[in-house]
Amino acid sequence: MGKAISIGQSLNLLSVLANNTDWDNLEGNTIQKIINDPRQAGQQFTAFLKNGGRVLVGEPRVIAIDRTKPFDPVFVGQGCTVIEEETDTRSTSLTELDLTKVQFVTVMKEGESYITGEEKLRRLKEAGFIRLDAGIFQTLWENQNLIPESWKEKVNGSTRFIFFDGTVLLRPDGDHRCIFYLYWIDGKWFWYRCWLGIGWDASNPSAVLAS
């Protein structure tokens, strides 16, 4: 990633957009919808700028991952820490991600209905998958327009919970190891962190890349 933009550049950008937008070709109702949903508008505008000021057509294929700042677990809440030795550094080294190459895997064996999160993490490591990390999770959460429509699909009629095992967190109590997950329900994306000690089934895949 290049250096951060300056305040002067941001002000110049707004001036360029204000002076070159064809306001007469826009409807007041459309503009008001944007004003009423500033979060979504900000996400779309950020994606527009990241694409060089060009309109995105269709779903994005390759997205940028900002690695200029390390992931801050305060995003989760006070007291959580990252277990550095569990971090998949192959994932944290990525500054771009081709979403078409992301796989959803459960690593369950034939006849198993569920496994614990700790066992799944062990099998993911053993299989050599690149486990997507918290930086990628946060990028998608903060830019939900980048999440592929296919990620909303259910698994055997159940909500799909997508896990990012490349970053493992330790809760303040010091006993619970957790990872992030995303899920789509009731027309919205949600996130949470899940304790690795509970059971995982086929609706709880991990987002990975082939090694």
Protein backbone atom coordinates (compact mmCIF):
# COMPACT_ATOMS: atom_id res chain seq x y z
CA MET A 1 0.00 0.00 0.00
CA GLY A 2 1.19 3.55 -0.68
CA LYS A 3 1.46 6.30 1.88
CA ALA A 4 -1.68 7.68 3.49
CA ILE A 5 -3.41 10.58 1.79
CA SER A 6 -2.98 14.06 3.27
CA ILE A 7 -5.74 16.35 4.51
CA GLY A 8 -5.01 18.62 1.54
CA GLN A 9 -5.49 15.74 -0.90
CA SER A 10 -8.80 14.75 0.68
CA LEU A 11 -10.08 18.32 0.47
CA ASN A 12 -8.92 18.63 -3.15
CA LEU A 13 -10.65 15.34 -3.96
CA LEU A 14 -13.95 16.55 -2.53
CA SER A 15 -13.62 19.78 -4.48
CA VAL A 16 -12.93 17.89 -7.74
CA LEU A 17 -15.96 15.66 -7.20
CA ALA A 18 -18.24 18.55 -6.23
CA ASN A 19 -17.25 20.63 -9.25
CA ASN A 20 -17.38 17.83 -11.82
CA THR A 21 -20.47 15.86 -10.79
CA ASP A 22 -23.44 16.22 -13.14
CA TRP A 23 -25.86 17.24 -10.38
CA ASP A 24 -28.63 18.02 -12.86
CA ASN A 25 -28.65 14.37 -13.90
CA LEU A 26 -29.32 13.10 -10.36
CA GLU A 27 -32.59 12.68 -8.47
CA GLY A 28 -33.21 14.12 -5.02
CA ASN A 29 -34.66 10.84 -3.72
CA THR A 30 -31.50 8.96 -4.70
CA ILE A 31 -29.27 11.51 -2.95
CA GLN A 32 -31.44 11.40 0.18
CA LYS A 33 -31.14 7.60 0.39
CA ILE A 34 -27.37 8.01 0.39
CA ILE A 35 -27.57 10.66 3.12
CA ASN A 36 -29.80 8.39 5.20
CA ASP A 37 -27.34 5.49 5.06
CA PRO A 38 -23.90 7.04 5.59
CA ARG A 39 -22.18 3.76 6.54
CA GLN A 40 -23.12 2.01 3.32
CA ALA A 41 -22.38 5.16 1.32
CA GLY A 42 -18.92 5.35 2.87
CA GLN A 43 -18.20 1.71 2.04
CA GLN A 44 -19.28 2.16 -1.57
CA PHE A 45 -17.33 5.40 -1.94
CA THR A 46 -14.20 3.79 -0.48
CA ALA A 47 -14.50 0.92 -2.98
CA PHE A 48 -14.98 3.47 -5.78
CA LEU A 49 -11.78 5.30 -4.79
CA LYS A 50 -9.80 2.08 -4.34
CA ASN A 51 -10.78 1.20 -7.89
CA GLY A 52 -9.16 4.39 -9.18
CA GLY A 53 -12.38 6.40 -9.38
CA ARG A 54 -14.02 3.85 -11.68
CA VAL A 55 -17.39 2.23 -11.12
CA LEU A 56 -17.18 -1.42 -10.09
CA VAL A 57 -19.05 -3.67 -12.52
CA GLY A 58 -20.10 -6.99 -11.05
CA GLU A 59 -18.50 -8.50 -8.00
CA PRO A 60 -14.89 -7.60 -7.19
CA ARG A 61 -12.39 -10.36 -7.89
CA VAL A 62 -9.24 -9.10 -6.19
CA ILE A 63 -9.44 -6.91 -3.10
CA ALA A 64 -6.73 -4.91 -1.31
CA ILE A 65 -5.80 -5.74 2.27
CA ASP A 66 -4.27 -2.83 4.17
CA ARG A 67 -1.29 -4.16 6.12
CA THR A 68 0.17 -0.76 7.05
CA LYS A 69 -1.23 -1.20 10.56
CA PRO A 70 -1.26 -4.47 12.52
CA PHE A 71 -4.63 -5.84 13.54
CA ASP A 72 -5.77 -4.30 16.83
CA PRO A 73 -7.75 -6.74 19.02
CA VAL A 74 -9.48 -3.73 20.62
CA PHE A 75 -11.76 -4.17 17.59
CA VAL A 76 -13.19 -7.10 19.58
CA GLY A 77 -13.23 -5.52 23.02
CA GLN A 78 -10.91 -4.61 25.83
CA GLY A 79 -8.69 -7.35 27.19
CA CYS A 80 -8.48 -9.71 24.20
CA THR A 81 -5.01 -10.45 22.86
CA VAL A 82 -3.69 -12.13 19.72
CA ILE A 83 -1.88 -15.44 20.25
CA GLU A 84 1.02 -14.66 17.94
CA GLU A 85 2.32 -18.23 17.63
CA GLU A 86 -1.06 -19.29 16.21
CA THR A 87 -1.08 -16.59 13.50
CA ASP A 88 -0.86 -17.86 9.93
CA THR A 89 1.87 -15.54 8.63
CA ARG A 90 1.24 -16.67 5.06
CA SER A 91 -2.13 -14.94 5.34
CA THR A 92 -0.91 -11.83 7.16
CA SER A 93 1.66 -11.31 4.39
CA LEU A 94 -1.09 -10.93 1.78
CA THR A 95 -1.79 -7.39 0.60
CA GLU A 96 -4.26 -8.60 -2.01
CA LEU A 97 -6.79 -11.41 -1.97
CA ASP A 98 -8.36 -13.10 -4.98
CA LEU A 99 -11.83 -13.90 -3.64
CA THR A 100 -12.40 -16.49 -6.36
CA LYS A 101 -9.65 -18.61 -4.82
CA VAL A 102 -11.12 -18.67 -1.31
CA GLN A 103 -12.29 -22.14 -0.30
CA PHE A 104 -14.69 -23.15 2.48
CA VAL A 105 -13.56 -26.31 4.26
CA THR A 106 -14.72 -28.22 7.35
CA VAL A 107 -11.93 -30.86 7.45
CA MET A 108 -14.46 -33.27 8.96
CA LYS A 109 -13.98 -36.95 8.24
CA GLU A 110 -16.57 -39.34 6.88
CA GLY A 111 -19.12 -40.21 9.53
CA GLU A 112 -18.38 -37.18 11.72
CA SER A 113 -21.26 -34.82 12.48
CA TYR A 114 -19.06 -32.30 14.30
CA ILE A 115 -15.59 -31.67 15.66
CA THR A 116 -14.27 -29.17 18.20
CA GLY A 117 -12.77 -25.91 17.01
CA GLU A 118 -9.40 -26.91 18.46
CA GLU A 119 -9.42 -30.15 16.47
CA LYS A 120 -10.46 -28.30 13.33
CA LEU A 121 -7.60 -25.85 13.81
CA ARG A 122 -5.16 -28.75 14.21
CA ARG A 123 -6.42 -30.43 11.02
CA LEU A 124 -6.27 -27.18 9.05
CA LYS A 125 -2.62 -26.79 10.01
CA GLU A 126 -1.88 -30.41 9.19
CA ALA A 127 -3.53 -30.07 5.76
CA GLY A 128 -1.40 -27.01 5.00
CA PHE A 129 -4.25 -24.64 4.17
CA ILE A 130 -3.56 -20.90 4.37
CA ARG A 131 -5.98 -19.84 7.10
CA LEU A 132 -7.38 -16.36 6.42
CA ASP A 133 -6.60 -13.96 9.26
CA ALA A 134 -8.31 -11.20 11.24
CA GLY A 135 -6.99 -8.47 8.94
CA ILE A 136 -8.88 -10.02 6.03
CA PHE A 137 -11.95 -10.52 8.22
CA GLN A 138 -11.87 -6.85 9.27
CA THR A 139 -11.43 -5.66 5.67
CA LEU A 140 -14.54 -7.57 4.63
CA TRP A 141 -16.53 -6.45 7.67
CA GLU A 142 -15.71 -2.78 7.06
CA ASN A 143 -16.32 -3.10 3.30
CA GLN A 144 -19.30 -5.44 3.12
CA ASN A 145 -19.93 -4.58 -0.52
CA LEU A 146 -16.80 -6.63 -1.27
CA ILE A 147 -18.22 -9.86 0.17
CA PRO A 148 -19.32 -12.19 -2.65
CA GLU A 149 -23.04 -12.94 -2.91
CA SER A 150 -22.25 -16.66 -2.83
CA TRP A 151 -21.02 -16.32 0.76
CA LYS A 152 -24.63 -15.71 1.82
CA GLU A 153 -25.71 -19.18 0.73
CA LYS A 154 -26.94 -21.58 3.40
CA VAL A 155 -25.52 -25.05 4.08
CA ASN A 156 -28.20 -27.74 4.02
CA GLY A 157 -30.76 -25.10 4.94
CA SER A 158 -28.70 -23.74 7.85
CA THR A 159 -27.01 -20.35 8.12
CA ARG A 160 -23.38 -20.52 7.02
CA PHE A 161 -20.91 -19.29 9.65
CA ILE A 162 -17.59 -18.42 7.97
CA PHE A 163 -14.53 -18.70 10.21
CA PHE A 164 -11.16 -16.95 9.95
CA ASP A 165 -8.76 -19.30 11.72
CA GLY A 166 -5.57 -17.44 10.76
CA THR A 167 -5.81 -15.34 13.93
CA VAL A 168 -6.52 -16.86 17.34
CA LEU A 169 -7.51 -14.60 20.22
CA LEU A 170 -7.19 -15.13 23.95
CA ARG A 171 -10.04 -13.75 26.04
CA PRO A 172 -9.29 -11.73 29.19
CA ASP A 173 -9.95 -14.75 31.43
CA GLY A 174 -6.90 -16.40 29.86
CA ASP A 175 -8.69 -19.72 29.34
CA HIS A 176 -10.74 -19.25 26.20
CA ARG A 177 -9.18 -19.25 22.73
CA CYS A 178 -11.43 -17.70 20.07
CA ILE A 179 -11.61 -16.93 16.36
CA PHE A 180 -13.74 -14.56 14.28
CA TYR A 181 -16.63 -15.50 12.05
CA LEU A 182 -19.06 -13.79 9.68
CA TYR A 183 -22.61 -14.79 8.88
CA TRP A 184 -25.53 -13.51 6.82
CA ILE A 185 -29.00 -13.55 8.36
CA ASP A 186 -32.16 -11.46 8.04
CA GLY A 187 -30.66 -9.46 5.19
CA LYS A 188 -27.57 -8.32 7.11
CA TRP A 189 -24.00 -9.39 7.83
CA PHE A 190 -23.04 -10.03 11.45
CA TRP A 191 -19.81 -11.03 13.16
CA TYR A 192 -18.77 -12.55 16.43
CA ARG A 193 -15.95 -14.52 17.98
CA CYS A 194 -16.32 -18.18 18.85
CA TRP A 195 -14.67 -20.32 21.51
CA LEU A 196 -12.57 -23.09 20.01
CA GLY A 197 -13.72 -25.52 22.69
CA ILE A 198 -17.23 -25.96 21.29
CA GLY A 199 -18.39 -28.18 18.42
CA TRP A 200 -18.27 -27.29 14.71
CA ASP A 201 -20.46 -28.89 12.04
CA ALA A 202 -20.85 -28.62 8.24
CA SER A 203 -22.40 -25.13 8.51
CA ASN A 204 -19.22 -23.82 10.16
CA PRO A 205 -16.58 -23.82 7.37
CA SER A 206 -13.22 -22.12 7.51
CA ALA A 207 -12.20 -19.61 4.84
CA VAL A 208 -8.85 -20.75 3.44
CA LEU A 209 -6.56 -20.70 0.44
CA ALA A 210 -4.72 -23.69 -0.96
CA SER A 211 -1.13 -23.79 0.25
